[in-house]
PDB file of N, CA and C in Angstrom:
ATOM      1  N   UNK A   1      74.973  27.506  73.149  1.00  0.00           N
ATOM      2  CA  UNK A   1      75.026  26.076  73.050  1.00  0.00           C
ATOM      3  C   UNK A   1      75.004  25.707  71.572  1.00  0.00           C
ATOM      4  N   UNK A   2      75.794  24.722  71.198  1.00  0.00           N
ATOM      5  CA  UNK A   2      75.837  24.245  69.819  1.00  0.00           C
ATOM      6  C   UNK A   2      75.350  22.807  69.765  1.00  0.00           C
ATOM      7  N   UNK A   3      74.801  22.435  68.628  1.00  0.00           N
ATOM      8  CA  UNK A   3      74.377  21.055  68.399  1.00  0.00           C
ATOM      9  C   UNK A   3      74.656  20.700  66.950  1.00  0.00           C
ATOM     10  N   UNK A   4      74.946  19.441  66.732  1.00  0.00           N
ATOM     11  CA  UNK A   4      75.229  18.918  65.400  1.00  0.00           C
ATOM     12  C   UNK A   4      74.232  17.808  65.118  1.00  0.00           C
ATOM     13  N   UNK A   5      73.590  17.871  63.951  1.00  0.00           N
ATOM     14  CA  UNK A   5      72.607  16.861  63.626  1.00  0.00           C
ATOM     15  C   UNK A   5      72.754  16.339  62.217  1.00  0.00           C
ATOM     16  N   UNK A   6      72.309  15.095  62.037  1.00  0.00           N
ATOM     17  CA  UNK A   6      72.370  14.497  60.699  1.00  0.00           C
ATOM     18  C   UNK A   6      71.094  13.757  60.324  1.00  0.00           C
ATOM     19  N   UNK A   7      70.082  13.802  61.182  1.00  0.00           N
ATOM     20  CA  UNK A   7      68.835  13.109  60.889  1.00  0.00           C
ATOM     21  C   UNK A   7      67.629  13.879  61.389  1.00  0.00           C
ATOM     22  N   UNK A   8      66.467  13.477  60.933  1.00  0.00           N
ATOM     23  CA  UNK A   8      65.231  14.153  61.332  1.00  0.00           C
ATOM     24  C   UNK A   8      65.003  14.071  62.833  1.00  0.00           C
ATOM     25  N   UNK A   9      65.546  13.046  63.484  1.00  0.00           N
ATOM     26  CA  UNK A   9      65.393  12.947  64.934  1.00  0.00           C
ATOM     27  C   UNK A   9      66.150  14.059  65.657  1.00  0.00           C
ATOM     28  N   UNK A  10      67.007  14.781  64.973  1.00  0.00           N
ATOM     29  CA  UNK A  10      67.774  15.882  65.557  1.00  0.00           C
ATOM     30  C   UNK A  10      67.113  17.243  65.362  1.00  0.00           C
ATOM     31  N   UNK A  11      66.023  17.308  64.638  1.00  0.00           N
ATOM     32  CA  UNK A  11      65.415  18.591  64.274  1.00  0.00           C
ATOM     33  C   UNK A  11      65.016  19.422  65.492  1.00  0.00           C
ATOM     34  N   UNK A  12      64.365  18.818  66.473  1.00  0.00           N
ATOM     35  CA  UNK A  12      63.949  19.568  67.669  1.00  0.00           C
ATOM     36  C   UNK A  12      65.162  20.142  68.395  1.00  0.00           C
ATOM     37  N   UNK A  13      66.221  19.357  68.494  1.00  0.00           N
ATOM     38  CA  UNK A  13      67.446  19.820  69.151  1.00  0.00           C
ATOM     39  C   UNK A  13      68.039  21.000  68.389  1.00  0.00           C
ATOM     40  N   UNK A  14      68.080  20.912  67.068  1.00  0.00           N
ATOM     41  CA  UNK A  14      68.653  21.983  66.262  1.00  0.00           C
ATOM     42  C   UNK A  14      67.847  23.271  66.386  1.00  0.00           C
ATOM     43  N   UNK A  15      66.526  23.147  66.528  1.00  0.00           N
ATOM     44  CA  UNK A  15      65.677  24.332  66.704  1.00  0.00           C
ATOM     45  C   UNK A  15      65.893  24.972  68.067  1.00  0.00           C
ATOM     46  N   UNK A  16      66.288  24.195  69.048  1.00  0.00           N
ATOM     47  CA  UNK A  16      66.403  24.659  70.430  1.00  0.00           C
ATOM     48  C   UNK A  16      67.690  25.437  70.714  1.00  0.00           C
ATOM     49  N   UNK A  17      68.787  25.037  70.117  1.00  0.00           N
ATOM     50  CA  UNK A  17      70.079  25.626  70.475  1.00  0.00           C
ATOM     51  C   UNK A  17      70.355  26.913  69.695  1.00  0.00           C
ATOM     52  N   UNK A  18      71.302  27.662  70.177  1.00  0.00           N
ATOM     53  CA  UNK A  18      71.661  28.921  69.536  1.00  0.00           C
ATOM     54  C   UNK A  18      72.574  28.780  68.331  1.00  0.00           C
ATOM     55  N   UNK A  19      73.311  27.667  68.249  1.00  0.00           N
ATOM     56  CA  UNK A  19      74.263  27.451  67.157  1.00  0.00           C
ATOM     57  C   UNK A  19      74.051  26.060  66.559  1.00  0.00           C
ATOM     58  N   UNK A  20      73.035  25.914  65.708  1.00  0.00           N
ATOM     59  CA  UNK A  20      72.767  24.602  65.110  1.00  0.00           C
ATOM     60  C   UNK A  20      73.606  24.359  63.859  1.00  0.00           C
ATOM     61  N   UNK A  21      74.125  23.146  63.744  1.00  0.00           N
ATOM     62  CA  UNK A  21      74.915  22.751  62.578  1.00  0.00           C
ATOM     63  C   UNK A  21      74.334  21.475  61.984  1.00  0.00           C
ATOM     64  N   UNK A  22      74.228  21.460  60.675  1.00  0.00           N
ATOM     65  CA  UNK A  22      73.796  20.270  59.951  1.00  0.00           C
ATOM     66  C   UNK A  22      75.037  19.634  59.341  1.00  0.00           C
ATOM     67  N   UNK A  23      75.176  18.341  59.529  1.00  0.00           N
ATOM     68  CA  UNK A  23      76.317  17.616  58.993  1.00  0.00           C
ATOM     69  C   UNK A  23      76.153  17.440  57.485  1.00  0.00           C
ATOM     70  N   UNK A  24      77.250  17.486  56.729  1.00  0.00           N
ATOM     71  CA  UNK A  24      77.159  17.302  55.274  1.00  0.00           C
ATOM     72  C   UNK A  24      76.576  15.960  54.868  1.00  0.00           C
ATOM     73  N   UNK A  25      76.690  14.947  55.720  1.00  0.00           N
ATOM     74  CA  UNK A  25      76.134  13.636  55.415  1.00  0.00           C
ATOM     75  C   UNK A  25      74.725  13.461  55.975  1.00  0.00           C
ATOM     76  N   UNK A  26      74.054  14.570  56.267  1.00  0.00           N
ATOM     77  CA  UNK A  26      72.699  14.525  56.831  1.00  0.00           C
ATOM     78  C   UNK A  26      71.713  13.889  55.851  1.00  0.00           C
ATOM     79  N   UNK A  27      70.599  13.443  56.408  1.00  0.00           N
ATOM     80  CA  UNK A  27      69.545  12.870  55.573  1.00  0.00           C
ATOM     81  C   UNK A  27      69.013  13.943  54.620  1.00  0.00           C
ATOM     82  N   UNK A  28      68.523  13.504  53.488  1.00  0.00           N
ATOM     83  CA  UNK A  28      67.989  14.454  52.504  1.00  0.00           C
ATOM     84  C   UNK A  28      66.835  15.256  53.085  1.00  0.00           C
ATOM     85  N   UNK A  29      66.008  14.621  53.931  1.00  0.00           N
ATOM     86  CA  UNK A  29      64.890  15.332  54.562  1.00  0.00           C
ATOM     87  C   UNK A  29      65.384  16.503  55.408  1.00  0.00           C
ATOM     88  N   UNK A  30      66.427  16.272  56.193  1.00  0.00           N
ATOM     89  CA  UNK A  30      66.944  17.341  57.047  1.00  0.00           C
ATOM     90  C   UNK A  30      67.593  18.436  56.212  1.00  0.00           C
ATOM     91  N   UNK A  31      68.267  18.053  55.156  1.00  0.00           N
ATOM     92  CA  UNK A  31      68.878  19.057  54.279  1.00  0.00           C
ATOM     93  C   UNK A  31      67.811  19.951  53.656  1.00  0.00           C
ATOM     94  N   UNK A  32      66.668  19.391  53.306  1.00  0.00           N
ATOM     95  CA  UNK A  32      65.588  20.184  52.712  1.00  0.00           C
ATOM     96  C   UNK A  32      64.921  21.092  53.732  1.00  0.00           C
ATOM     97  N   UNK A  33      64.776  20.613  54.953  1.00  0.00           N
ATOM     98  CA  UNK A  33      64.097  21.385  56.001  1.00  0.00           C
ATOM     99  C   UNK A  33      65.050  22.355  56.680  1.00  0.00           C
ATOM    100  N   UNK A  34      66.324  22.174  56.460  1.00  0.00           N
ATOM    101  CA  UNK A  34      67.369  22.938  57.147  1.00  0.00           C
ATOM    102  C   UNK A  34      66.915  24.353  57.466  1.00  0.00           C
ATOM    103  N   UNK A  35      66.979  24.696  58.710  1.00  0.00           N
ATOM    104  CA  UNK A  35      66.564  26.026  59.163  1.00  0.00           C
ATOM    105  C   UNK A  35      67.468  27.089  58.567  1.00  0.00           C
ATOM    106  N   UNK A  36      66.931  28.250  58.341  1.00  0.00           N
ATOM    107  CA  UNK A  36      67.732  29.331  57.779  1.00  0.00           C
ATOM    108  C   UNK A  36      68.908  29.697  58.673  1.00  0.00           C
ATOM    109  N   UNK A  37      68.756  29.451  59.963  1.00  0.00           N
ATOM    110  CA  UNK A  37      69.838  29.807  60.889  1.00  0.00           C
ATOM    111  C   UNK A  37      70.849  28.688  61.071  1.00  0.00           C
ATOM    112  N   UNK A  38      70.600  27.528  60.499  1.00  0.00           N
ATOM    113  CA  UNK A  38      71.555  26.426  60.612  1.00  0.00           C
ATOM    114  C   UNK A  38      72.762  26.689  59.732  1.00  0.00           C
ATOM    115  N   UNK A  39      73.879  26.269  60.208  1.00  0.00           N
ATOM    116  CA  UNK A  39      75.116  26.338  59.427  1.00  0.00           C
ATOM    117  C   UNK A  39      75.495  24.927  59.037  1.00  0.00           C
ATOM    118  N   UNK A  40      76.361  24.809  58.065  1.00  0.00           N
ATOM    119  CA  UNK A  40      76.884  23.504  57.670  1.00  0.00           C
ATOM    120  C   UNK A  40      78.132  23.211  58.479  1.00  0.00           C
ATOM    121  N   UNK A  41      78.260  21.992  58.965  1.00  0.00           N
ATOM    122  CA  UNK A  41      79.480  21.570  59.640  1.00  0.00           C
ATOM    123  C   UNK A  41      80.597  21.488  58.593  1.00  0.00           C
ATOM    124  N   UNK A  42      81.830  21.583  59.047  1.00  0.00           N
ATOM    125  CA  UNK A  42      82.975  21.617  58.140  1.00  0.00           C
ATOM    126  C   UNK A  42      83.159  20.328  57.359  1.00  0.00           C
ATOM    127  N   UNK A  43      82.951  19.198  57.994  1.00  0.00           N
ATOM    128  CA  UNK A  43      83.127  17.895  57.368  1.00  0.00           C
ATOM    129  C   UNK A  43      82.044  16.949  57.872  1.00  0.00           C
ATOM    130  N   UNK A  44      81.997  15.758  57.295  1.00  0.00           N
ATOM    131  CA  UNK A  44      81.005  14.786  57.739  1.00  0.00           C
ATOM    132  C   UNK A  44      81.486  14.053  58.995  1.00  0.00           C
ATOM    133  N   UNK A  45      80.645  13.147  59.472  1.00  0.00           N
ATOM    134  CA  UNK A  45      80.933  12.419  60.716  1.00  0.00           C
ATOM    135  C   UNK A  45      82.202  11.595  60.646  1.00  0.00           C
ATOM    136  N   UNK A  46      82.539  11.112  59.486  1.00  0.00           N
ATOM    137  CA  UNK A  46      83.706  10.237  59.349  1.00  0.00           C
ATOM    138  C   UNK A  46      85.013  11.006  59.195  1.00  0.00           C
ATOM    139  N   UNK A  47      84.934  12.310  59.076  1.00  0.00           N
ATOM    140  CA  UNK A  47      86.132  13.123  58.867  1.00  0.00           C
ATOM    141  C   UNK A  47      86.229  14.255  59.889  1.00  0.00           C
ATOM    142  N   UNK A  48      85.915  13.931  61.127  1.00  0.00           N
ATOM    143  CA  UNK A  48      86.058  14.880  62.241  1.00  0.00           C
ATOM    144  C   UNK A  48      85.288  16.181  62.037  1.00  0.00           C
ATOM    145  N   UNK A  49      84.099  16.078  61.465  1.00  0.00           N
ATOM    146  CA  UNK A  49      83.302  17.270  61.175  1.00  0.00           C
ATOM    147  C   UNK A  49      82.995  18.129  62.378  1.00  0.00           C
ATOM    148  N   UNK A  50      82.664  17.503  63.500  1.00  0.00           N
ATOM    149  CA  UNK A  50      82.349  18.277  64.701  1.00  0.00           C
ATOM    150  C   UNK A  50      83.605  18.984  65.201  1.00  0.00           C
ATOM    151  N   UNK A  51      84.699  18.257  65.343  1.00  0.00           N
ATOM    152  CA  UNK A  51      85.945  18.874  65.831  1.00  0.00           C
ATOM    153  C   UNK A  51      86.443  19.964  64.888  1.00  0.00           C
ATOM    154  N   UNK A  52      86.426  19.702  63.581  1.00  0.00           N
ATOM    155  CA  UNK A  52      86.871  20.709  62.622  1.00  0.00           C
ATOM    156  C   UNK A  52      86.034  21.972  62.714  1.00  0.00           C
ATOM    157  N   UNK A  53      84.746  21.823  62.949  1.00  0.00           N
ATOM    158  CA  UNK A  53      83.860  22.991  63.039  1.00  0.00           C
ATOM    159  C   UNK A  53      84.126  23.759  64.325  1.00  0.00           C
ATOM    160  N   UNK A  54      84.315  23.060  65.413  1.00  0.00           N
ATOM    161  CA  UNK A  54      84.583  23.713  66.700  1.00  0.00           C
ATOM    162  C   UNK A  54      85.905  24.486  66.641  1.00  0.00           C
ATOM    163  N   UNK A  55      86.910  23.917  66.004  1.00  0.00           N
ATOM    164  CA  UNK A  55      88.228  24.545  65.963  1.00  0.00           C
ATOM    165  C   UNK A  55      88.349  25.638  64.929  1.00  0.00           C
ATOM    166  N   UNK A  56      87.324  25.879  64.122  1.00  0.00           N
ATOM    167  CA  UNK A  56      87.374  26.953  63.115  1.00  0.00           C
ATOM    168  C   UNK A  56      87.493  28.291  63.769  1.00  0.00           C
TER     169      UNK A  56
END
């Protein structure tokens, strides 16, 4: 299961799934806490980041 997050409210979800992605436009707090297993999404929310990452 994959999840994409951009805010601290997404942290629990990102910890739960097997393929967590942090959006480039994420909050600074989430970027600092970013789990070692999190990957960066290909683009931000306004530039099809989720779709671009899925199609990689």
